Amino acid sequence: LLVVARIPDTSLDAIATRIPAEPLLLVLEAVEKPGNLGAVLRTADGAGVDGVLVADPRTDPWNPNAIRASMGTVFSVPLAVVDASTAREWLRMRGVRTVATVVDASTSYTEADLTGAVAIALGSEADGLSEAWRGPGVSSVRIPMRGIADSLNLSASAAILAYEARRQRDGPG
């Protein structure tokens, strides 16, 4: 059996036509593990995230392990692959606020406003987010850690934040 398929367009132009005016986006910077990328795409689908920007990837979104972990949602969740600085500028030009996940941030994710046009940026487990996701126009949040580990797996963090954003958007109940 041989299948020939065209890889979907993962440009910012392509994603722009598929997201609403006030999107909930996830930005994944320097994702290394295909399984993590696929798991985040599956979460994005489940939580109703409007799109995922993969910034400076270290793995291919079309890696068989990413596709398998996504349960096929890699084909349904709007996805763009881009460098971090271009992603930051694209978000800024569209009036999308950026919320960066940072281990030592003073604001807990439950205290952050994740409504309206917002992009939640998450970095690799090894390095976190680069300097591209700090500075003016970026607020930082943390997921409180009560044990000896200082952070969670990327896909677990993305799930917590995506569902918190969904809870805030949907209101009580």
N, C-alpha and C. Protein backbone atom coordinates (compact mmCIF):
# COMPACT_ATOMS: atom_id res chain seq x y z
N LEU A 1 0.85 -1.16 0.00
CA LEU A 1 0.00 0.00 0.00
C LEU A 1 0.90 1.23 0.00
N LEU A 2 0.63 2.15 -0.89
CA LEU A 2 1.39 3.38 -0.98
C LEU A 2 0.41 4.55 -0.99
N VAL A 3 0.70 5.52 -0.16
CA VAL A 3 -0.14 6.71 -0.10
C VAL A 3 0.72 7.92 -0.40
N VAL A 4 0.24 8.76 -1.27
CA VAL A 4 0.91 10.03 -1.55
C VAL A 4 -0.03 11.12 -1.07
N ALA A 5 0.50 11.98 -0.21
CA ALA A 5 -0.34 13.04 0.36
C ALA A 5 0.41 14.36 0.31
N ARG A 6 -0.33 15.41 0.18
CA ARG A 6 0.24 16.74 0.21
C ARG A 6 0.24 17.23 1.65
N ILE A 7 1.37 17.77 2.10
CA ILE A 7 1.45 18.33 3.45
C ILE A 7 0.66 19.63 3.45
N PRO A 8 -0.23 19.82 4.43
CA PRO A 8 -1.02 21.05 4.49
C PRO A 8 -0.14 22.29 4.63
N ASP A 9 -0.66 23.41 4.19
CA ASP A 9 0.03 24.70 4.29
C ASP A 9 0.08 25.12 5.76
N THR A 10 1.28 25.32 6.28
CA THR A 10 1.44 25.72 7.68
C THR A 10 2.00 27.15 7.79
N SER A 11 1.65 27.97 6.82
CA SER A 11 2.10 29.37 6.87
C SER A 11 1.16 30.19 7.75
N LEU A 12 1.63 31.33 8.18
CA LEU A 12 0.79 32.24 8.95
C LEU A 12 -0.39 32.74 8.12
N ASP A 13 -0.18 32.92 6.83
CA ASP A 13 -1.28 33.34 5.95
C ASP A 13 -2.40 32.31 5.95
N ALA A 14 -2.03 31.04 5.94
CA ALA A 14 -3.04 29.98 5.92
C ALA A 14 -3.82 29.92 7.23
N ILE A 15 -3.14 30.08 8.34
CA ILE A 15 -3.83 30.01 9.64
C ILE A 15 -4.71 31.25 9.84
N ALA A 16 -4.29 32.38 9.31
CA ALA A 16 -5.04 33.63 9.50
C ALA A 16 -6.46 33.54 8.95
N THR A 17 -6.64 32.76 7.92
CA THR A 17 -7.97 32.63 7.32
C THR A 17 -8.88 31.68 8.10
N ARG A 18 -8.31 30.96 9.07
CA ARG A 18 -9.07 29.93 9.79
C ARG A 18 -9.34 30.26 11.25
N ILE A 19 -8.87 31.41 11.73
CA ILE A 19 -9.07 31.74 13.14
C ILE A 19 -10.02 32.92 13.29
N PRO A 20 -10.75 32.98 14.42
CA PRO A 20 -11.69 34.08 14.64
C PRO A 20 -10.98 35.38 15.01
N ALA A 21 -11.75 36.43 15.13
CA ALA A 21 -11.19 37.76 15.46
C ALA A 21 -10.56 37.79 16.85
N GLU A 22 -11.12 37.05 17.79
CA GLU A 22 -10.56 37.00 19.14
C GLU A 22 -10.15 35.57 19.46
N PRO A 23 -9.03 35.13 18.88
CA PRO A 23 -8.66 33.72 19.00
C PRO A 23 -8.02 33.37 20.34
N LEU A 24 -8.14 32.11 20.67
CA LEU A 24 -7.34 31.49 21.72
C LEU A 24 -6.30 30.66 20.98
N LEU A 25 -5.03 31.04 21.13
CA LEU A 25 -3.94 30.37 20.43
C LEU A 25 -2.94 29.79 21.43
N LEU A 26 -2.29 28.73 21.04
CA LEU A 26 -1.15 28.21 21.79
C LEU A 26 0.08 28.42 20.92
N VAL A 27 1.17 28.85 21.55
CA VAL A 27 2.45 28.97 20.87
C VAL A 27 3.40 28.00 21.55
N LEU A 28 4.01 27.12 20.77
CA LEU A 28 4.96 26.15 21.30
C LEU A 28 6.32 26.46 20.72
N GLU A 29 7.25 26.83 21.59
CA GLU A 29 8.58 27.19 21.09
C GLU A 29 9.56 26.06 21.34
N ALA A 30 10.29 25.71 20.30
CA ALA A 30 11.39 24.74 20.36
C ALA A 30 10.97 23.38 20.89
N VAL A 31 9.79 22.93 20.49
CA VAL A 31 9.33 21.60 20.90
C VAL A 31 10.27 20.57 20.32
N GLU A 32 10.73 19.66 21.17
CA GLU A 32 11.70 18.65 20.74
C GLU A 32 11.06 17.29 20.48
N LYS A 33 10.08 16.94 21.28
CA LYS A 33 9.54 15.58 21.23
C LYS A 33 8.25 15.54 20.42
N PRO A 34 8.23 14.72 19.37
CA PRO A 34 7.03 14.64 18.53
C PRO A 34 5.79 14.23 19.33
N GLY A 35 5.96 13.37 20.32
CA GLY A 35 4.82 12.94 21.13
C GLY A 35 4.21 14.10 21.90
N ASN A 36 5.05 15.01 22.40
CA ASN A 36 4.54 16.19 23.10
C ASN A 36 3.77 17.10 22.15
N LEU A 37 4.32 17.31 20.97
CA LEU A 37 3.64 18.15 19.99
C LEU A 37 2.28 17.56 19.64
N GLY A 38 2.24 16.28 19.38
CA GLY A 38 0.98 15.63 19.05
C GLY A 38 -0.01 15.70 20.20
N ALA A 39 0.46 15.50 21.42
CA ALA A 39 -0.42 15.57 22.58
C ALA A 39 -1.00 16.97 22.76
N VAL A 40 -0.20 18.00 22.50
CA VAL A 40 -0.70 19.38 22.60
C VAL A 40 -1.76 19.63 21.53
N LEU A 41 -1.55 19.13 20.33
CA LEU A 41 -2.55 19.29 19.28
C LEU A 41 -3.86 18.60 19.64
N ARG A 42 -3.76 17.45 20.27
CA ARG A 42 -4.96 16.73 20.72
C ARG A 42 -5.69 17.54 21.79
N THR A 43 -4.93 18.11 22.72
CA THR A 43 -5.51 18.97 23.75
C THR A 43 -6.15 20.21 23.12
N ALA A 44 -5.46 20.81 22.17
CA ALA A 44 -5.98 22.00 21.50
C ALA A 44 -7.33 21.70 20.87
N ASP A 45 -7.43 20.56 20.24
CA ASP A 45 -8.70 20.15 19.65
C ASP A 45 -9.77 19.99 20.72
N GLY A 46 -9.44 19.30 21.79
CA GLY A 46 -10.40 19.04 22.85
C GLY A 46 -10.86 20.29 23.58
N ALA A 47 -9.95 21.24 23.77
CA ALA A 47 -10.27 22.47 24.52
C ALA A 47 -10.85 23.56 23.62
N GLY A 48 -10.89 23.32 22.34
CA GLY A 48 -11.42 24.34 21.43
C GLY A 48 -10.46 25.49 21.19
N VAL A 49 -9.17 25.20 21.21
CA VAL A 49 -8.16 26.20 20.88
C VAL A 49 -8.29 26.50 19.38
N ASP A 50 -8.17 27.77 19.02
CA ASP A 50 -8.39 28.17 17.63
C ASP A 50 -7.21 27.92 16.71
N GLY A 51 -6.01 27.76 17.26
CA GLY A 51 -4.85 27.50 16.43
C GLY A 51 -3.61 27.31 17.27
N VAL A 52 -2.61 26.69 16.66
CA VAL A 52 -1.33 26.44 17.32
C VAL A 52 -0.21 26.97 16.42
N LEU A 53 0.66 27.80 17.01
CA LEU A 53 1.85 28.26 16.32
C LEU A 53 3.04 27.48 16.86
N VAL A 54 3.76 26.82 15.99
CA VAL A 54 4.94 26.08 16.39
C VAL A 54 6.14 26.95 16.00
N ALA A 55 6.76 27.55 17.00
CA ALA A 55 7.86 28.50 16.77
C ALA A 55 9.21 27.80 16.95
N ASP A 56 10.07 28.00 15.99
CA ASP A 56 11.42 27.43 16.03
C ASP A 56 11.41 25.94 16.43
N PRO A 57 10.65 25.13 15.69
CA PRO A 57 10.51 23.73 16.09
C PRO A 57 11.81 22.95 15.98
N ARG A 58 11.93 21.98 16.86
CA ARG A 58 13.06 21.06 16.81
C ARG A 58 12.58 19.67 16.37
N THR A 59 11.29 19.59 16.06
CA THR A 59 10.71 18.36 15.52
C THR A 59 9.72 18.73 14.43
N ASP A 60 9.49 17.82 13.55
CA ASP A 60 8.58 18.02 12.42
C ASP A 60 7.14 17.70 12.84
N PRO A 61 6.20 18.62 12.62
CA PRO A 61 4.80 18.32 12.96
C PRO A 61 4.26 17.11 12.21
N TRP A 62 4.91 16.72 11.12
CA TRP A 62 4.43 15.59 10.32
C TRP A 62 5.19 14.31 10.66
N ASN A 63 5.96 14.34 11.73
CA ASN A 63 6.63 13.15 12.22
C ASN A 63 5.54 12.12 12.57
N PRO A 64 5.70 10.87 12.19
CA PRO A 64 4.67 9.86 12.48
C PRO A 64 4.27 9.80 13.96
N ASN A 65 5.22 10.02 14.86
CA ASN A 65 4.89 10.00 16.29
C ASN A 65 4.02 11.20 16.68
N ALA A 66 4.24 12.36 16.06
CA ALA A 66 3.40 13.53 16.33
C ALA A 66 1.99 13.28 15.81
N ILE A 67 1.89 12.73 14.62
CA ILE A 67 0.57 12.43 14.05
C ILE A 67 -0.17 11.42 14.91
N ARG A 68 0.53 10.38 15.33
CA ARG A 68 -0.09 9.34 16.16
C ARG A 68 -0.55 9.92 17.50
N ALA A 69 0.31 10.69 18.17
CA ALA A 69 -0.05 11.27 19.47
C ALA A 69 -1.19 12.28 19.35
N SER A 70 -1.30 12.91 18.18
CA SER A 70 -2.38 13.89 17.99
C SER A 70 -3.72 13.22 17.71
N MET A 71 -3.72 11.92 17.49
CA MET A 71 -4.93 11.18 17.12
C MET A 71 -5.57 11.79 15.87
N GLY A 72 -4.73 12.30 14.97
CA GLY A 72 -5.20 12.85 13.71
C GLY A 72 -5.60 14.32 13.77
N THR A 73 -5.58 14.92 14.96
CA THR A 73 -6.00 16.32 15.08
C THR A 73 -5.00 17.28 14.43
N VAL A 74 -3.82 16.80 14.11
CA VAL A 74 -2.85 17.63 13.39
C VAL A 74 -3.43 18.09 12.06
N PHE A 75 -4.42 17.36 11.55
CA PHE A 75 -5.04 17.71 10.28
C PHE A 75 -6.26 18.63 10.44
N SER A 76 -6.72 18.82 11.68
CA SER A 76 -7.92 19.64 11.88
C SER A 76 -7.67 20.93 12.66
N VAL A 77 -6.66 20.96 13.51
CA VAL A 77 -6.35 22.17 14.28
C VAL A 77 -5.51 23.08 13.40
N PRO A 78 -5.92 24.34 13.21
CA PRO A 78 -5.09 25.25 12.42
C PRO A 78 -3.68 25.34 13.01
N LEU A 79 -2.68 25.12 12.16
CA LEU A 79 -1.29 24.98 12.60
C LEU A 79 -0.39 25.82 11.71
N ALA A 80 0.48 26.60 12.35
CA ALA A 80 1.49 27.36 11.60
C ALA A 80 2.86 27.04 12.17
N VAL A 81 3.84 26.94 11.30
CA VAL A 81 5.23 26.72 11.70
C VAL A 81 6.01 27.95 11.28
N VAL A 82 6.69 28.58 12.25
CA VAL A 82 7.29 29.89 12.00
C VAL A 82 8.42 30.12 13.00
N ASP A 83 9.27 31.10 12.74
CA ASP A 83 10.29 31.45 13.73
C ASP A 83 9.65 32.32 14.82
N ALA A 84 10.26 32.35 15.99
CA ALA A 84 9.69 33.02 17.15
C ALA A 84 9.49 34.52 16.94
N SER A 85 10.45 35.20 16.37
CA SER A 85 10.31 36.65 16.21
C SER A 85 9.18 37.00 15.23
N THR A 86 9.03 36.22 14.18
CA THR A 86 7.92 36.44 13.24
C THR A 86 6.58 36.16 13.92
N ALA A 87 6.52 35.13 14.73
CA ALA A 87 5.29 34.81 15.46
C ALA A 87 4.92 35.95 16.40
N ARG A 88 5.90 36.46 17.14
CA ARG A 88 5.63 37.58 18.06
C ARG A 88 5.08 38.78 17.33
N GLU A 89 5.70 39.13 16.21
CA GLU A 89 5.27 40.29 15.42
C GLU A 89 3.88 40.05 14.83
N TRP A 90 3.61 38.87 14.34
CA TRP A 90 2.31 38.52 13.76
C TRP A 90 1.21 38.67 14.82
N LEU A 91 1.47 38.18 16.02
CA LEU A 91 0.50 38.32 17.11
C LEU A 91 0.27 39.79 17.46
N ARG A 92 1.35 40.53 17.56
CA ARG A 92 1.25 41.96 17.91
C ARG A 92 0.44 42.71 16.86
N MET A 93 0.70 42.46 15.60
CA MET A 93 0.00 43.16 14.51
C MET A 93 -1.51 42.84 14.51
N ARG A 94 -1.88 41.72 15.04
CA ARG A 94 -3.29 41.32 15.07
C ARG A 94 -3.96 41.63 16.41
N GLY A 95 -3.23 42.29 17.30
CA GLY A 95 -3.80 42.67 18.59
C GLY A 95 -4.04 41.49 19.52
N VAL A 96 -3.26 40.44 19.36
CA VAL A 96 -3.38 39.26 20.22
C VAL A 96 -2.39 39.40 21.36
N ARG A 97 -2.92 39.43 22.59
CA ARG A 97 -2.07 39.51 23.78
C ARG A 97 -1.29 38.21 23.94
N THR A 98 -0.08 38.32 24.45
CA THR A 98 0.73 37.14 24.68
C THR A 98 0.90 36.92 26.17
N VAL A 99 0.64 35.69 26.58
CA VAL A 99 0.84 35.27 27.96
C VAL A 99 1.88 34.16 27.92
N ALA A 100 3.03 34.41 28.54
CA ALA A 100 4.14 33.46 28.53
C ALA A 100 4.18 32.65 29.82
N THR A 101 4.42 31.37 29.70
CA THR A 101 4.56 30.53 30.88
C THR A 101 6.02 30.57 31.33
N VAL A 102 6.22 31.02 32.57
CA VAL A 102 7.57 31.19 33.12
C VAL A 102 7.57 30.62 34.53
N VAL A 103 8.54 29.78 34.83
CA VAL A 103 8.60 29.09 36.12
C VAL A 103 8.54 30.06 37.29
N ASP A 104 9.23 31.19 37.20
CA ASP A 104 9.31 32.10 38.35
C ASP A 104 8.40 33.34 38.23
N ALA A 105 7.39 33.26 37.39
CA ALA A 105 6.45 34.39 37.25
C ALA A 105 5.72 34.62 38.57
N SER A 106 5.34 35.86 38.82
CA SER A 106 4.65 36.17 40.08
C SER A 106 3.15 35.88 40.00
N THR A 107 2.59 35.79 38.81
CA THR A 107 1.15 35.59 38.64
C THR A 107 0.83 34.12 38.35
N SER A 108 -0.09 33.56 39.13
CA SER A 108 -0.55 32.20 38.88
C SER A 108 -1.46 32.20 37.65
N TYR A 109 -1.49 31.10 36.93
CA TYR A 109 -2.33 31.02 35.73
C TYR A 109 -3.80 31.24 36.05
N THR A 110 -4.24 30.93 37.26
CA THR A 110 -5.65 31.12 37.61
C THR A 110 -5.99 32.59 37.85
N GLU A 111 -4.98 33.42 38.05
CA GLU A 111 -5.19 34.85 38.27
C GLU A 111 -5.08 35.65 36.98
N ALA A 112 -4.61 35.03 35.93
CA ALA A 112 -4.39 35.72 34.65
C ALA A 112 -5.69 35.80 33.85
N ASP A 113 -5.84 36.87 33.09
CA ASP A 113 -6.98 37.03 32.19
C ASP A 113 -6.64 36.31 30.88
N LEU A 114 -7.32 35.21 30.63
CA LEU A 114 -7.08 34.43 29.42
C LEU A 114 -8.26 34.53 28.46
N THR A 115 -9.02 35.63 28.57
CA THR A 115 -10.14 35.86 27.67
C THR A 115 -9.71 36.79 26.54
N GLY A 116 -10.58 36.96 25.56
CA GLY A 116 -10.27 37.84 24.43
C GLY A 116 -9.23 37.21 23.52
N ALA A 117 -8.62 38.04 22.71
CA ALA A 117 -7.58 37.56 21.79
C ALA A 117 -6.30 37.33 22.58
N VAL A 118 -5.94 36.07 22.75
CA VAL A 118 -4.76 35.74 23.57
C VAL A 118 -4.02 34.55 23.00
N ALA A 119 -2.70 34.62 23.12
CA ALA A 119 -1.82 33.50 22.76
C ALA A 119 -1.05 33.10 24.00
N ILE A 120 -1.10 31.83 24.34
CA ILE A 120 -0.38 31.30 25.49
C ILE A 120 0.88 30.64 24.96
N ALA A 121 2.04 31.17 25.37
CA ALA A 121 3.32 30.67 24.88
C ALA A 121 3.94 29.71 25.89
N LEU A 122 4.38 28.57 25.40
CA LEU A 122 5.02 27.56 26.22
C LEU A 122 6.34 27.17 25.56
N GLY A 123 7.36 26.96 26.38
CA GLY A 123 8.67 26.60 25.85
C GLY A 123 9.00 25.13 26.06
N SER A 124 10.17 24.78 25.59
CA SER A 124 10.61 23.39 25.74
C SER A 124 10.87 23.08 27.21
N GLU A 125 10.79 21.79 27.53
CA GLU A 125 11.02 21.38 28.91
C GLU A 125 12.45 21.67 29.34
N ALA A 126 13.38 21.54 28.44
CA ALA A 126 14.79 21.74 28.79
C ALA A 126 15.14 23.21 28.97
N ASP A 127 14.62 24.08 28.10
CA ASP A 127 15.06 25.47 28.09
C ASP A 127 14.00 26.49 28.44
N GLY A 128 12.74 26.12 28.49
CA GLY A 128 11.68 27.11 28.68
C GLY A 128 11.58 28.00 27.46
N LEU A 129 11.04 29.19 27.65
CA LEU A 129 10.88 30.14 26.54
C LEU A 129 12.14 30.98 26.36
N SER A 130 12.41 31.37 25.13
CA SER A 130 13.54 32.23 24.83
C SER A 130 13.20 33.68 25.16
N GLU A 131 14.16 34.54 25.01
CA GLU A 131 13.98 35.98 25.26
C GLU A 131 12.95 36.59 24.31
N ALA A 132 12.66 35.94 23.20
CA ALA A 132 11.66 36.46 22.26
C ALA A 132 10.30 36.61 22.92
N TRP A 133 10.06 35.88 24.00
CA TRP A 133 8.75 35.88 24.66
C TRP A 133 8.77 36.63 25.98
N ARG A 134 9.70 37.57 26.10
CA ARG A 134 9.76 38.43 27.28
C ARG A 134 9.74 39.88 26.82
N GLY A 135 9.43 40.78 27.72
CA GLY A 135 9.47 42.20 27.38
C GLY A 135 8.10 42.81 27.25
N PRO A 136 8.06 44.01 26.68
CA PRO A 136 6.80 44.75 26.56
C PRO A 136 5.74 43.95 25.79
N GLY A 137 4.53 44.02 26.28
CA GLY A 137 3.42 43.35 25.59
C GLY A 137 3.27 41.88 25.93
N VAL A 138 4.11 41.38 26.83
CA VAL A 138 4.02 39.98 27.22
C VAL A 138 3.83 39.91 28.73
N SER A 139 2.77 39.24 29.16
CA SER A 139 2.61 39.00 30.60
C SER A 139 3.04 37.56 30.88
N SER A 140 3.48 37.32 32.10
CA SER A 140 3.99 35.99 32.47
C SER A 140 3.12 35.35 33.52
N VAL A 141 2.94 34.06 33.40
CA VAL A 141 2.19 33.28 34.38
C VAL A 141 2.98 32.03 34.74
N ARG A 142 2.61 31.48 35.88
CA ARG A 142 3.23 30.22 36.32
C ARG A 142 2.15 29.23 36.72
N ILE A 143 2.51 27.99 36.65
CA ILE A 143 1.69 26.92 37.20
C ILE A 143 2.35 26.56 38.53
N PRO A 144 1.69 26.81 39.66
CA PRO A 144 2.33 26.53 40.95
C PRO A 144 2.73 25.06 41.08
N MET A 145 3.92 24.84 41.55
CA MET A 145 4.45 23.49 41.75
C MET A 145 4.59 23.26 43.25
N ARG A 146 4.03 22.21 43.76
CA ARG A 146 4.01 21.92 45.20
C ARG A 146 5.02 20.85 45.61
N GLY A 147 5.60 20.17 44.64
CA GLY A 147 6.55 19.10 44.95
C GLY A 147 7.98 19.52 44.69
N ILE A 148 8.83 18.55 44.38
CA ILE A 148 10.25 18.85 44.16
C ILE A 148 10.56 19.23 42.72
N ALA A 149 9.68 18.87 41.78
CA ALA A 149 9.89 19.24 40.38
C ALA A 149 9.56 20.72 40.20
N ASP A 150 10.30 21.39 39.31
CA ASP A 150 10.04 22.83 39.11
C ASP A 150 9.10 23.11 37.95
N SER A 151 8.77 22.07 37.17
CA SER A 151 7.87 22.29 36.04
C SER A 151 7.21 20.99 35.63
N LEU A 152 6.18 21.13 34.80
CA LEU A 152 5.45 19.98 34.27
C LEU A 152 5.89 19.68 32.85
N ASN A 153 5.49 18.53 32.38
CA ASN A 153 5.65 18.16 30.99
C ASN A 153 4.95 19.21 30.12
N LEU A 154 5.50 19.52 28.96
CA LEU A 154 4.93 20.54 28.07
C LEU A 154 3.46 20.27 27.76
N SER A 155 3.11 19.05 27.44
CA SER A 155 1.73 18.78 27.07
C SER A 155 0.80 18.90 28.27
N ALA A 156 1.27 18.57 29.47
CA ALA A 156 0.44 18.74 30.67
C ALA A 156 0.21 20.23 30.95
N SER A 157 1.26 21.02 30.82
CA SER A 157 1.13 22.47 31.03
C SER A 157 0.18 23.08 30.02
N ALA A 158 0.31 22.69 28.77
CA ALA A 158 -0.58 23.22 27.72
C ALA A 158 -2.03 22.85 28.02
N ALA A 159 -2.27 21.64 28.51
CA ALA A 159 -3.63 21.22 28.82
C ALA A 159 -4.21 22.05 29.96
N ILE A 160 -3.45 22.25 31.00
CA ILE A 160 -3.93 23.04 32.14
C ILE A 160 -4.32 24.44 31.67
N LEU A 161 -3.44 25.08 30.92
CA LEU A 161 -3.68 26.46 30.49
C LEU A 161 -4.79 26.57 29.45
N ALA A 162 -4.85 25.64 28.53
CA ALA A 162 -5.91 25.68 27.50
C ALA A 162 -7.29 25.51 28.14
N TYR A 163 -7.39 24.60 29.08
CA TYR A 163 -8.69 24.38 29.72
C TYR A 163 -9.04 25.50 30.70
N GLU A 164 -8.06 26.13 31.31
CA GLU A 164 -8.34 27.30 32.14
C GLU A 164 -8.84 28.45 31.26
N ALA A 165 -8.21 28.65 30.13
CA ALA A 165 -8.69 29.68 29.20
C ALA A 165 -10.11 29.37 28.74
N ARG A 166 -10.38 28.12 28.44
CA ARG A 166 -11.73 27.73 28.02
C ARG A 166 -12.73 27.98 29.14
N ARG A 167 -12.36 27.64 30.40
CA ARG A 167 -13.25 27.87 31.53
C ARG A 167 -13.57 29.35 31.67
N GLN A 168 -12.54 30.20 31.56
CA GLN A 168 -12.76 31.64 31.68
C GLN A 168 -13.65 32.16 30.55
N ARG A 169 -13.50 31.63 29.36
CA ARG A 169 -14.27 32.09 28.21
C ARG A 169 -15.72 31.63 28.27
N ASP A 170 -15.93 30.43 28.78
CA ASP A 170 -17.28 29.86 28.80
C ASP A 170 -18.08 30.32 30.01
N GLY A 171 -17.41 30.82 31.05
CA GLY A 171 -18.10 31.27 32.25
C GLY A 171 -18.48 30.11 33.15
N PRO A 172 -19.23 30.40 34.21
CA PRO A 172 -19.58 29.35 35.17
C PRO A 172 -20.46 28.27 34.54
N GLY A 173 -20.26 27.07 35.07
CA GLY A 173 -21.11 25.96 34.61
C GLY A 173 -20.47 25.22 33.55
